[in-house]
């Protein structure tokens, strides 16, 4: 399902620091979809719209993942909260569907203090 015809694939990634010190690199993928009253067969997005959507994806990832600890981030990822939020926020720019968090890498772990 990661390749679709007649639509634009939009990918974005962001390094997000959680509240407990972990730095996670989150990769998101999404596809454009037709508007409700669209007749045209394809639903390609212009490059300027793609850039705006990608910027919105990155800000949404920072807002959703940067405000919680790693444990809550995993819960958000399993519930697909980030993908649904991006889908909802993109409707004003260009309608998206099938927005998923494709991959998450832990880039940096916090230094634990033994004296605690």
PDB file of N, CA and C in Angstrom:
ATOM      1  N   UNK A   1       0.805  -1.192   0.000  1.00  0.00           N
ATOM      2  CA  UNK A   1       0.000   0.000   0.000  1.00  0.00           C
ATOM      3  C   UNK A   1       0.854   1.265   0.000  1.00  0.00           C
ATOM      4  N   UNK A   2       2.158   1.143  -0.166  1.00  0.00           N
ATOM      5  CA  UNK A   2       3.016   2.323  -0.150  1.00  0.00           C
ATOM      6  C   UNK A   2       3.260   2.897  -1.541  1.00  0.00           C
ATOM      7  N   UNK A   3       2.612   2.314  -2.566  1.00  0.00           N
ATOM      8  CA  UNK A   3       2.676   2.862  -3.914  1.00  0.00           C
ATOM      9  C   UNK A   3       1.256   2.925  -4.439  1.00  0.00           C
ATOM     10  N   UNK A   4       0.849   4.105  -4.876  1.00  0.00           N
ATOM     11  CA  UNK A   4      -0.494   4.274  -5.429  1.00  0.00           C
ATOM     12  C   UNK A   4      -0.380   5.061  -6.727  1.00  0.00           C
ATOM     13  N   UNK A   5      -1.224   4.713  -7.678  1.00  0.00           N
ATOM     14  CA  UNK A   5      -1.230   5.431  -8.948  1.00  0.00           C
ATOM     15  C   UNK A   5      -2.186   6.612  -8.875  1.00  0.00           C
ATOM     16  N   UNK A   6      -1.940   7.600  -9.713  1.00  0.00           N
ATOM     17  CA  UNK A   6      -2.805   8.763  -9.923  1.00  0.00           C
ATOM     18  C   UNK A   6      -2.895   9.674  -8.701  1.00  0.00           C
ATOM     19  N   UNK A   7      -1.909   9.636  -7.823  1.00  0.00           N
ATOM     20  CA  UNK A   7      -1.887  10.569  -6.703  1.00  0.00           C
ATOM     21  C   UNK A   7      -0.434  10.875  -6.346  1.00  0.00           C
ATOM     22  N   UNK A   8      -0.241  11.850  -5.501  1.00  0.00           N
ATOM     23  CA  UNK A   8       1.094  12.278  -5.098  1.00  0.00           C
ATOM     24  C   UNK A   8       1.444  11.672  -3.748  1.00  0.00           C
ATOM     25  N   UNK A   9       2.650  11.121  -3.654  1.00  0.00           N
ATOM     26  CA  UNK A   9       3.156  10.584  -2.393  1.00  0.00           C
ATOM     27  C   UNK A   9       3.950  11.690  -1.700  1.00  0.00           C
ATOM     28  N   UNK A  10       3.652  11.927  -0.441  1.00  0.00           N
ATOM     29  CA  UNK A  10       4.341  12.976   0.322  1.00  0.00           C
ATOM     30  C   UNK A  10       4.976  12.331   1.550  1.00  0.00           C
ATOM     31  N   UNK A  11       6.296  12.509   1.676  1.00  0.00           N
ATOM     32  CA  UNK A  11       7.025  11.968   2.821  1.00  0.00           C
ATOM     33  C   UNK A  11       7.656  13.116   3.603  1.00  0.00           C
ATOM     34  N   UNK A  12       7.771  12.929   4.902  1.00  0.00           N
ATOM     35  CA  UNK A  12       8.422  13.922   5.756  1.00  0.00           C
ATOM     36  C   UNK A  12       9.047  13.207   6.945  1.00  0.00           C
ATOM     37  N   UNK A  13      10.070  13.838   7.522  1.00  0.00           N
ATOM     38  CA  UNK A  13      10.662  13.298   8.747  1.00  0.00           C
ATOM     39  C   UNK A  13      11.074  14.454   9.635  1.00  0.00           C
ATOM     40  N   UNK A  14      11.159  14.159  10.924  1.00  0.00           N
ATOM     41  CA  UNK A  14      11.551  15.184  11.891  1.00  0.00           C
ATOM     42  C   UNK A  14      12.222  14.527  13.084  1.00  0.00           C
ATOM     43  N   UNK A  15      13.231  15.209  13.626  1.00  0.00           N
ATOM     44  CA  UNK A  15      13.859  14.789  14.877  1.00  0.00           C
ATOM     45  C   UNK A  15      13.122  15.476  16.017  1.00  0.00           C
ATOM     46  N   UNK A  16      12.539  14.684  16.892  1.00  0.00           N
ATOM     47  CA  UNK A  16      11.709  15.209  17.971  1.00  0.00           C
ATOM     48  C   UNK A  16      12.309  14.789  19.301  1.00  0.00           C
ATOM     49  N   UNK A  17      12.441  15.744  20.220  1.00  0.00           N
ATOM     50  CA  UNK A  17      12.945  15.439  21.560  1.00  0.00           C
ATOM     51  C   UNK A  17      11.759  15.287  22.498  1.00  0.00           C
ATOM     52  N   UNK A  18      11.664  14.136  23.149  1.00  0.00           N
ATOM     53  CA  UNK A  18      10.574  13.889  24.087  1.00  0.00           C
ATOM     54  C   UNK A  18      10.883  14.559  25.422  1.00  0.00           C
ATOM     55  N   UNK A  19       9.903  14.577  26.301  1.00  0.00           N
ATOM     56  CA  UNK A  19      10.090  15.253  27.585  1.00  0.00           C
ATOM     57  C   UNK A  19      11.070  14.520  28.494  1.00  0.00           C
ATOM     58  N   UNK A  20      11.260  13.213  28.265  1.00  0.00           N
ATOM     59  CA  UNK A  20      12.206  12.473  29.107  1.00  0.00           C
ATOM     60  C   UNK A  20      13.596  12.369  28.485  1.00  0.00           C
ATOM     61  N   UNK A  21      13.878  13.137  27.436  1.00  0.00           N
ATOM     62  CA  UNK A  21      15.238  13.253  26.931  1.00  0.00           C
ATOM     63  C   UNK A  21      15.583  12.433  25.711  1.00  0.00           C
ATOM     64  N   UNK A  22      14.713  11.568  25.251  1.00  0.00           N
ATOM     65  CA  UNK A  22      14.987  10.782  24.054  1.00  0.00           C
ATOM     66  C   UNK A  22      14.812  11.653  22.812  1.00  0.00           C
ATOM     67  N   UNK A  23      15.645  11.406  21.797  1.00  0.00           N
ATOM     68  CA  UNK A  23      15.480  12.064  20.506  1.00  0.00           C
ATOM     69  C   UNK A  23      15.069  10.987  19.513  1.00  0.00           C
ATOM     70  N   UNK A  24      13.874  11.135  18.957  1.00  0.00           N
ATOM     71  CA  UNK A  24      13.336  10.157  18.014  1.00  0.00           C
ATOM     72  C   UNK A  24      13.216  10.803  16.644  1.00  0.00           C
ATOM     73  N   UNK A  25      13.604  10.071  15.617  1.00  0.00           N
ATOM     74  CA  UNK A  25      13.414  10.527  14.238  1.00  0.00           C
ATOM     75  C   UNK A  25      12.174   9.823  13.706  1.00  0.00           C
ATOM     76  N   UNK A  26      11.143  10.603  13.395  1.00  0.00           N
ATOM     77  CA  UNK A  26       9.852  10.056  12.978  1.00  0.00           C
ATOM     78  C   UNK A  26       9.688  10.285  11.480  1.00  0.00           C
ATOM     79  N   UNK A  27       9.357   9.224  10.750  1.00  0.00           N
ATOM     80  CA  UNK A  27       9.121   9.287   9.314  1.00  0.00           C
ATOM     81  C   UNK A  27       7.628   9.113   9.058  1.00  0.00           C
ATOM     82  N   UNK A  28       7.047  10.024   8.276  1.00  0.00           N
ATOM     83  CA  UNK A  28       5.614   9.992   7.982  1.00  0.00           C
ATOM     84  C   UNK A  28       5.432   9.929   6.473  1.00  0.00           C
ATOM     85  N   UNK A  29       4.416   9.193   6.035  1.00  0.00           N
ATOM     86  CA  UNK A  29       4.091   9.073   4.620  1.00  0.00           C
ATOM     87  C   UNK A  29       2.602   9.330   4.449  1.00  0.00           C
ATOM     88  N   UNK A  30       2.231   9.974   3.340  1.00  0.00           N
ATOM     89  CA  UNK A  30       0.825  10.252   3.072  1.00  0.00           C
ATOM     90  C   UNK A  30       0.572  10.351   1.579  1.00  0.00           C
ATOM     91  N   UNK A  31      -0.674  10.184   1.186  1.00  0.00           N
ATOM     92  CA  UNK A  31      -1.066  10.227  -0.214  1.00  0.00           C
ATOM     93  C   UNK A  31      -2.176  11.251  -0.406  1.00  0.00           C
ATOM     94  N   UNK A  32      -2.120  11.960  -1.530  1.00  0.00           N
ATOM     95  CA  UNK A  32      -3.200  12.887  -1.838  1.00  0.00           C
ATOM     96  C   UNK A  32      -4.416  12.099  -2.302  1.00  0.00           C
ATOM     97  N   UNK A  33      -5.578  12.691  -2.133  1.00  0.00           N
ATOM     98  CA  UNK A  33      -6.818  12.052  -2.563  1.00  0.00           C
ATOM     99  C   UNK A  33      -7.691  13.097  -3.246  1.00  0.00           C
ATOM    100  N   UNK A  34      -8.703  12.626  -3.931  1.00  0.00           N
ATOM    101  CA  UNK A  34      -9.597  13.528  -4.655  1.00  0.00           C
ATOM    102  C   UNK A  34     -10.446  14.341  -3.688  1.00  0.00           C
ATOM    103  N   UNK A  35     -10.792  15.535  -4.125  1.00  0.00           N
ATOM    104  CA  UNK A  35     -11.757  16.345  -3.386  1.00  0.00           C
ATOM    105  C   UNK A  35     -13.140  15.704  -3.548  1.00  0.00           C
ATOM    106  N   UNK A  36     -14.079  15.980  -2.645  1.00  0.00           N
ATOM    107  CA  UNK A  36     -15.390  15.314  -2.703  1.00  0.00           C
ATOM    108  C   UNK A  36     -16.142  15.497  -4.022  1.00  0.00           C
ATOM    109  N   UNK A  37     -16.015  16.665  -4.666  1.00  0.00           N
ATOM    110  CA  UNK A  37     -16.754  16.906  -5.908  1.00  0.00           C
ATOM    111  C   UNK A  37     -15.851  16.891  -7.139  1.00  0.00           C
ATOM    112  N   UNK A  38     -14.714  16.224  -7.061  1.00  0.00           N
ATOM    113  CA  UNK A  38     -13.733  16.240  -8.141  1.00  0.00           C
ATOM    114  C   UNK A  38     -14.116  15.272  -9.245  1.00  0.00           C
ATOM    115  N   UNK A  39     -13.941  15.711 -10.503  1.00  0.00           N
ATOM    116  CA  UNK A  39     -14.243  14.886 -11.670  1.00  0.00           C
ATOM    117  C   UNK A  39     -12.960  14.327 -12.278  1.00  0.00           C
ATOM    118  N   UNK A  40     -11.889  15.098 -12.185  1.00  0.00           N
ATOM    119  CA  UNK A  40     -10.608  14.716 -12.769  1.00  0.00           C
ATOM    120  C   UNK A  40     -10.134  13.372 -12.215  1.00  0.00           C
ATOM    121  N   UNK A  41      -9.495  12.565 -13.063  1.00  0.00           N
ATOM    122  CA  UNK A  41      -9.104  11.204 -12.674  1.00  0.00           C
ATOM    123  C   UNK A  41      -7.948  11.191 -11.677  1.00  0.00           C
ATOM    124  N   UNK A  42      -6.989  12.114 -11.830  1.00  0.00           N
ATOM    125  CA  UNK A  42      -5.835  12.094 -10.923  1.00  0.00           C
ATOM    126  C   UNK A  42      -5.987  13.155  -9.847  1.00  0.00           C
ATOM    127  N   UNK A  43      -5.108  13.084  -8.859  1.00  0.00           N
ATOM    128  CA  UNK A  43      -5.139  14.071  -7.769  1.00  0.00           C
ATOM    129  C   UNK A  43      -3.706  14.460  -7.412  1.00  0.00           C
ATOM    130  N   UNK A  44      -2.992  14.965  -8.416  1.00  0.00           N
ATOM    131  CA  UNK A  44      -1.623  15.398  -8.196  1.00  0.00           C
ATOM    132  C   UNK A  44      -1.607  16.766  -7.516  1.00  0.00           C
ATOM    133  N   UNK A  45      -0.690  16.933  -6.580  1.00  0.00           N
ATOM    134  CA  UNK A  45      -0.549  18.206  -5.876  1.00  0.00           C
ATOM    135  C   UNK A  45       0.603  19.001  -6.478  1.00  0.00           C
ATOM    136  N   UNK A  46       0.467  20.319  -6.453  1.00  0.00           N
ATOM    137  CA  UNK A  46       1.541  21.183  -6.926  1.00  0.00           C
ATOM    138  C   UNK A  46       2.687  21.153  -5.917  1.00  0.00           C
ATOM    139  N   UNK A  47       3.885  21.479  -6.398  1.00  0.00           N
ATOM    140  CA  UNK A  47       5.070  21.420  -5.545  1.00  0.00           C
ATOM    141  C   UNK A  47       4.957  22.374  -4.358  1.00  0.00           C
ATOM    142  N   UNK A  48       4.368  23.547  -4.573  1.00  0.00           N
ATOM    143  CA  UNK A  48       4.217  24.495  -3.463  1.00  0.00           C
ATOM    144  C   UNK A  48       3.289  23.930  -2.389  1.00  0.00           C
ATOM    145  N   UNK A  49       2.225  23.233  -2.804  1.00  0.00           N
ATOM    146  CA  UNK A  49       1.310  22.608  -1.836  1.00  0.00           C
ATOM    147  C   UNK A  49       2.018  21.475  -1.097  1.00  0.00           C
ATOM    148  N   UNK A  50       2.841  20.711  -1.820  1.00  0.00           N
ATOM    149  CA  UNK A  50       3.580  19.605  -1.200  1.00  0.00           C
ATOM    150  C   UNK A  50       4.514  20.150  -0.120  1.00  0.00           C
ATOM    151  N   UNK A  51       5.188  21.262  -0.409  1.00  0.00           N
ATOM    152  CA  UNK A  51       6.102  21.863   0.569  1.00  0.00           C
ATOM    153  C   UNK A  51       5.345  22.342   1.803  1.00  0.00           C
ATOM    154  N   UNK A  52       4.157  22.940   1.594  1.00  0.00           N
ATOM    155  CA  UNK A  52       3.356  23.405   2.728  1.00  0.00           C
ATOM    156  C   UNK A  52       2.859  22.231   3.563  1.00  0.00           C
ATOM    157  N   UNK A  53       2.451  21.155   2.891  1.00  0.00           N
ATOM    158  CA  UNK A  53       1.969  19.970   3.607  1.00  0.00           C
ATOM    159  C   UNK A  53       3.110  19.344   4.397  1.00  0.00           C
ATOM    160  N   UNK A  54       4.298  19.268   3.790  1.00  0.00           N
ATOM    161  CA  UNK A  54       5.452  18.689   4.478  1.00  0.00           C
ATOM    162  C   UNK A  54       5.819  19.517   5.709  1.00  0.00           C
ATOM    163  N   UNK A  55       5.765  20.842   5.582  1.00  0.00           N
ATOM    164  CA  UNK A  55       6.053  21.719   6.720  1.00  0.00           C
ATOM    165  C   UNK A  55       5.021  21.517   7.823  1.00  0.00           C
ATOM    166  N   UNK A  56       3.756  21.373   7.437  1.00  0.00           N
ATOM    167  CA  UNK A  56       2.682  21.137   8.400  1.00  0.00           C
ATOM    168  C   UNK A  56       2.867  19.778   9.081  1.00  0.00           C
ATOM    169  N   UNK A  57       3.321  18.770   8.321  1.00  0.00           N
ATOM    170  CA  UNK A  57       3.591  17.447   8.902  1.00  0.00           C
ATOM    171  C   UNK A  57       4.662  17.545   9.983  1.00  0.00           C
ATOM    172  N   UNK A  58       5.728  18.279   9.698  1.00  0.00           N
ATOM    173  CA  UNK A  58       6.838  18.408  10.649  1.00  0.00           C
ATOM    174  C   UNK A  58       6.380  19.138  11.910  1.00  0.00           C
ATOM    175  N   UNK A  59       5.610  20.219  11.757  1.00  0.00           N
ATOM    176  CA  UNK A  59       5.137  20.941  12.940  1.00  0.00           C
ATOM    177  C   UNK A  59       4.175  20.092  13.759  1.00  0.00           C
ATOM    178  N   UNK A  60       3.354  19.293  13.091  1.00  0.00           N
ATOM    179  CA  UNK A  60       2.437  18.409  13.812  1.00  0.00           C
ATOM    180  C   UNK A  60       3.207  17.342  14.581  1.00  0.00           C
ATOM    181  N   UNK A  61       4.260  16.789  13.968  1.00  0.00           N
ATOM    182  CA  UNK A  61       5.078  15.793  14.660  1.00  0.00           C
ATOM    183  C   UNK A  61       5.736  16.402  15.892  1.00  0.00           C
ATOM    184  N   UNK A  62       6.264  17.629  15.764  1.00  0.00           N
ATOM    185  CA  UNK A  62       6.889  18.295  16.912  1.00  0.00           C
ATOM    186  C   UNK A  62       5.865  18.553  18.011  1.00  0.00           C
ATOM    187  N   UNK A  63       4.663  18.972  17.624  1.00  0.00           N
ATOM    188  CA  UNK A  63       3.637  19.299  18.616  1.00  0.00           C
ATOM    189  C   UNK A  63       3.151  18.043  19.338  1.00  0.00           C
ATOM    190  N   UNK A  64       2.901  16.973  18.584  1.00  0.00           N
ATOM    191  CA  UNK A  64       2.338  15.755  19.171  1.00  0.00           C
ATOM    192  C   UNK A  64       3.381  14.968  19.970  1.00  0.00           C
ATOM    193  N   UNK A  65       4.578  14.790  19.398  1.00  0.00           N
ATOM    194  CA  UNK A  65       5.576  13.929  20.031  1.00  0.00           C
ATOM    195  C   UNK A  65       6.465  14.679  21.015  1.00  0.00           C
ATOM    196  N   UNK A  66       6.647  15.971  20.830  1.00  0.00           N
ATOM    197  CA  UNK A  66       7.528  16.731  21.710  1.00  0.00           C
ATOM    198  C   UNK A  66       6.923  17.048  23.055  1.00  0.00           C
ATOM    199  N   UNK A  67       5.627  16.854  23.191  1.00  0.00           N
ATOM    200  CA  UNK A  67       4.951  17.216  24.439  1.00  0.00           C
ATOM    201  C   UNK A  67       4.706  16.021  25.350  1.00  0.00           C
ATOM    202  N   UNK A  68       5.307  14.866  25.038  1.00  0.00           N
ATOM    203  CA  UNK A  68       5.060  13.684  25.867  1.00  0.00           C
ATOM    204  C   UNK A  68       6.350  12.889  26.045  1.00  0.00           C
ATOM    205  N   UNK A  69       6.315  11.954  26.973  1.00  0.00           N
ATOM    206  CA  UNK A  69       7.456  11.072  27.213  1.00  0.00           C
ATOM    207  C   UNK A  69       7.441   9.945  26.180  1.00  0.00           C
ATOM    208  N   UNK A  70       8.503   9.144  26.183  1.00  0.00           N
ATOM    209  CA  UNK A  70       8.620   8.070  25.196  1.00  0.00           C
ATOM    210  C   UNK A  70       7.505   7.045  25.353  1.00  0.00           C
ATOM    211  N   UNK A  71       7.107   6.762  26.568  1.00  0.00           N
ATOM    212  CA  UNK A  71       6.041   5.783  26.817  1.00  0.00           C
ATOM    213  C   UNK A  71       4.714   6.246  26.199  1.00  0.00           C
ATOM    214  N   UNK A  72       4.386   7.534  26.367  1.00  0.00           N
ATOM    215  CA  UNK A  72       3.157   8.059  25.766  1.00  0.00           C
ATOM    216  C   UNK A  72       3.280   8.157  24.248  1.00  0.00           C
ATOM    217  N   UNK A  73       4.502   8.413  23.753  1.00  0.00           N
ATOM    218  CA  UNK A  73       4.716   8.470  22.308  1.00  0.00           C
ATOM    219  C   UNK A  73       4.424   7.120  21.668  1.00  0.00           C
ATOM    220  N   UNK A  74       4.844   6.039  22.323  1.00  0.00           N
ATOM    221  CA  UNK A  74       4.564   4.699  21.797  1.00  0.00           C
ATOM    222  C   UNK A  74       3.057   4.448  21.771  1.00  0.00           C
ATOM    223  N   UNK A  75       2.349   4.908  22.801  1.00  0.00           N
ATOM    224  CA  UNK A  75       0.889   4.759  22.816  1.00  0.00           C
ATOM    225  C   UNK A  75       0.247   5.555  21.683  1.00  0.00           C
ATOM    226  N   UNK A  76       0.767   6.772  21.432  1.00  0.00           N
ATOM    227  CA  UNK A  76       0.238   7.575  20.328  1.00  0.00           C
ATOM    228  C   UNK A  76       0.511   6.917  18.978  1.00  0.00           C
ATOM    229  N   UNK A  77       1.676   6.277  18.866  1.00  0.00           N
ATOM    230  CA  UNK A  77       2.017   5.626  17.600  1.00  0.00           C
ATOM    231  C   UNK A  77       1.124   4.418  17.338  1.00  0.00           C
ATOM    232  N   UNK A  78       0.827   3.642  18.376  1.00  0.00           N
ATOM    233  CA  UNK A  78      -0.028   2.473  18.176  1.00  0.00           C
ATOM    234  C   UNK A  78      -1.466   2.876  17.895  1.00  0.00           C
ATOM    235  N   UNK A  79      -1.895   4.015  18.420  1.00  0.00           N
ATOM    236  CA  UNK A  79      -3.262   4.494  18.170  1.00  0.00           C
ATOM    237  C   UNK A  79      -3.350   5.339  16.895  1.00  0.00           C
ATOM    238  N   UNK A  80      -2.233   5.550  16.205  1.00  0.00           N
ATOM    239  CA  UNK A  80      -2.156   6.336  14.971  1.00  0.00           C
ATOM    240  C   UNK A  80      -2.694   7.756  15.150  1.00  0.00           C
ATOM    241  N   UNK A  81      -2.389   8.361  16.287  1.00  0.00           N
ATOM    242  CA  UNK A  81      -2.865   9.711  16.587  1.00  0.00           C
ATOM    243  C   UNK A  81      -2.210  10.734  15.658  1.00  0.00           C
ATOM    244  N   UNK A  82      -0.905  10.582  15.411  1.00  0.00           N
ATOM    245  CA  UNK A  82      -0.167  11.562  14.614  1.00  0.00           C
ATOM    246  C   UNK A  82      -0.665  11.564  13.170  1.00  0.00           C
ATOM    247  N   UNK A  83      -0.870  10.385  12.593  1.00  0.00           N
ATOM    248  CA  UNK A  83      -1.362  10.299  11.218  1.00  0.00           C
ATOM    249  C   UNK A  83      -2.742  10.900  11.054  1.00  0.00           C
ATOM    250  N   UNK A  84      -3.622  10.637  12.009  1.00  0.00           N
ATOM    251  CA  UNK A  84      -4.984  11.182  11.935  1.00  0.00           C
ATOM    252  C   UNK A  84      -4.984  12.698  12.094  1.00  0.00           C
ATOM    253  N   UNK A  85      -4.116  13.205  12.962  1.00  0.00           N
ATOM    254  CA  UNK A  85      -4.024  14.656  13.165  1.00  0.00           C
ATOM    255  C   UNK A  85      -3.507  15.345  11.903  1.00  0.00           C
ATOM    256  N   UNK A  86      -2.503  14.746  11.245  1.00  0.00           N
ATOM    257  CA  UNK A  86      -1.980  15.311   9.996  1.00  0.00           C
ATOM    258  C   UNK A  86      -3.060  15.287   8.922  1.00  0.00           C
ATOM    259  N   UNK A  87      -3.803  14.187   8.837  1.00  0.00           N
ATOM    260  CA  UNK A  87      -4.889  14.074   7.864  1.00  0.00           C
ATOM    261  C   UNK A  87      -5.923  15.175   8.078  1.00  0.00           C
ATOM    262  N   UNK A  88      -6.256  15.421   9.345  1.00  0.00           N
ATOM    263  CA  UNK A  88      -7.269  16.424   9.676  1.00  0.00           C
ATOM    264  C   UNK A  88      -6.773  17.839   9.350  1.00  0.00           C
ATOM    265  N   UNK A  89      -5.509  18.131   9.692  1.00  0.00           N
ATOM    266  CA  UNK A  89      -4.974  19.473   9.475  1.00  0.00           C
ATOM    267  C   UNK A  89      -4.691  19.768   8.005  1.00  0.00           C
ATOM    268  N   UNK A  90      -4.510  18.732   7.180  1.00  0.00           N
ATOM    269  CA  UNK A  90      -4.161  18.953   5.776  1.00  0.00           C
ATOM    270  C   UNK A  90      -5.370  19.246   4.902  1.00  0.00           C
ATOM    271  N   UNK A  91      -6.574  19.052   5.404  1.00  0.00           N
ATOM    272  CA  UNK A  91      -7.763  19.203   4.567  1.00  0.00           C
ATOM    273  C   UNK A  91      -7.896  20.616   3.999  1.00  0.00           C
ATOM    274  N   UNK A  92      -7.398  21.613   4.702  1.00  0.00           N
ATOM    275  CA  UNK A  92      -7.486  22.980   4.184  1.00  0.00           C
ATOM    276  C   UNK A  92      -6.485  23.219   3.056  1.00  0.00           C
ATOM    277  N   UNK A  93      -5.345  22.511   3.068  1.00  0.00           N
ATOM    278  CA  UNK A  93      -4.341  22.675   2.018  1.00  0.00           C
ATOM    279  C   UNK A  93      -4.650  21.788   0.814  1.00  0.00           C
ATOM    280  N   UNK A  94      -4.721  20.486   1.050  1.00  0.00           N
ATOM    281  CA  UNK A  94      -4.983  19.500  -0.002  1.00  0.00           C
ATOM    282  C   UNK A  94      -5.450  18.238   0.708  1.00  0.00           C
ATOM    283  N   UNK A  95      -6.515  17.597   0.255  1.00  0.00           N
ATOM    284  CA  UNK A  95      -7.002  16.417   0.979  1.00  0.00           C
ATOM    285  C   UNK A  95      -6.001  15.261   0.926  1.00  0.00           C
ATOM    286  N   UNK A  96      -5.717  14.682   2.088  1.00  0.00           N
ATOM    287  CA  UNK A  96      -4.810  13.540   2.193  1.00  0.00           C
ATOM    288  C   UNK A  96      -5.567  12.337   2.727  1.00  0.00           C
ATOM    289  N   UNK A  97      -5.050  11.145   2.399  1.00  0.00           N
ATOM    290  CA  UNK A  97      -5.570   9.910   2.980  1.00  0.00           C
ATOM    291  C   UNK A  97      -4.384   8.991   3.226  1.00  0.00           C
ATOM    292  N   UNK A  98      -4.610   7.942   3.970  1.00  0.00           N
ATOM    293  CA  UNK A  98      -3.576   6.940   4.268  1.00  0.00           C
ATOM    294  C   UNK A  98      -2.289   7.598   4.771  1.00  0.00           C
ATOM    295  N   UNK A  99      -2.410   8.437   5.784  1.00  0.00           N
ATOM    296  CA  UNK A  99      -1.246   9.073   6.407  1.00  0.00           C
ATOM    297  C   UNK A  99      -0.816   8.188   7.568  1.00  0.00           C
ATOM    298  N   UNK A 100       0.411   7.695   7.496  1.00  0.00           N
ATOM    299  CA  UNK A 100       0.914   6.773   8.506  1.00  0.00           C
ATOM    300  C   UNK A 100       2.295   7.200   8.973  1.00  0.00           C
ATOM    301  N   UNK A 101       2.629   6.824  10.193  1.00  0.00           N
ATOM    302  CA  UNK A 101       4.009   6.916  10.661  1.00  0.00           C
ATOM    303  C   UNK A 101       4.698   5.667  10.136  1.00  0.00           C
ATOM    304  N   UNK A 102       5.626   5.873   9.208  1.00  0.00           N
ATOM    305  CA  UNK A 102       6.255   4.757   8.507  1.00  0.00           C
ATOM    306  C   UNK A 102       7.338   4.093   9.351  1.00  0.00           C
ATOM    307  N   UNK A 103       8.106   4.920  10.071  1.00  0.00           N
ATOM    308  CA  UNK A 103       9.241   4.387  10.820  1.00  0.00           C
ATOM    309  C   UNK A 103       9.593   5.355  11.932  1.00  0.00           C
ATOM    310  N   UNK A 104      10.103   4.828  13.038  1.00  0.00           N
ATOM    311  CA  UNK A 104      10.603   5.659  14.136  1.00  0.00           C
ATOM    312  C   UNK A 104      11.957   5.110  14.556  1.00  0.00           C
ATOM    313  N   UNK A 105      12.949   5.977  14.586  1.00  0.00           N
ATOM    314  CA  UNK A 105      14.285   5.595  15.044  1.00  0.00           C
ATOM    315  C   UNK A 105      14.600   6.379  16.311  1.00  0.00           C
ATOM    316  N   UNK A 106      15.203   5.714  17.267  1.00  0.00           N
ATOM    317  CA  UNK A 106      15.712   6.406  18.449  1.00  0.00           C
ATOM    318  C   UNK A 106      17.127   6.860  18.108  1.00  0.00           C
ATOM    319  N   UNK A 107      17.305   8.166  17.968  1.00  0.00           N
ATOM    320  CA  UNK A 107      18.583   8.720  17.553  1.00  0.00           C
ATOM    321  C   UNK A 107      19.511   8.906  18.743  1.00  0.00           C
ATOM    322  N   UNK A 108      18.938   9.350  19.878  1.00  0.00           N
ATOM    323  CA  UNK A 108      19.766   9.644  21.045  1.00  0.00           C
ATOM    324  C   UNK A 108      19.016   9.259  22.306  1.00  0.00           C
ATOM    325  N   UNK A 109      19.714   8.590  23.188  1.00  0.00           N
ATOM    326  CA  UNK A 109      19.143   8.216  24.481  1.00  0.00           C
ATOM    327  C   UNK A 109      19.669   9.170  25.544  1.00  0.00           C
ATOM    328  N   UNK A 110      18.887   9.439  26.569  1.00  0.00           N
ATOM    329  CA  UNK A 110      19.372  10.341  27.621  1.00  0.00           C
ATOM    330  C   UNK A 110      20.416   9.653  28.487  1.00  0.00           C
ATOM    331  N   UNK A 111      21.266  10.454  29.102  1.00  0.00           N
ATOM    332  CA  UNK A 111      22.252   9.914  30.038  1.00  0.00           C
ATOM    333  C   UNK A 111      21.572   9.743  31.381  1.00  0.00           C
ATOM    334  N   UNK A 112      21.605   8.527  31.887  1.00  0.00           N
ATOM    335  CA  UNK A 112      20.975   8.252  33.173  1.00  0.00           C
ATOM    336  C   UNK A 112      21.978   8.481  34.293  1.00  0.00           C
ATOM    337  N   UNK A 113      21.521   9.117  35.351  1.00  0.00           N
ATOM    338  CA  UNK A 113      22.362   9.389  36.510  1.00  0.00           C
ATOM    339  C   UNK A 113      22.131   8.278  37.534  1.00  0.00           C
ATOM    340  N   UNK A 114      23.188   7.598  37.933  1.00  0.00           N
ATOM    341  CA  UNK A 114      23.072   6.468  38.861  1.00  0.00           C
ATOM    342  C   UNK A 114      22.702   6.947  40.265  1.00  0.00           C
ATOM    343  N   UNK A 115      23.050   8.165  40.608  1.00  0.00           N
ATOM    344  CA  UNK A 115      22.787   8.666  41.958  1.00  0.00           C
ATOM    345  C   UNK A 115      21.310   8.925  42.228  1.00  0.00           C
ATOM    346  N   UNK A 116      20.473   8.932  41.209  1.00  0.00           N
ATOM    347  CA  UNK A 116      19.038   9.190  41.421  1.00  0.00           C
ATOM    348  C   UNK A 116      18.360   8.035  42.102  1.00  0.00           C
TER     349      UNK A 116
END
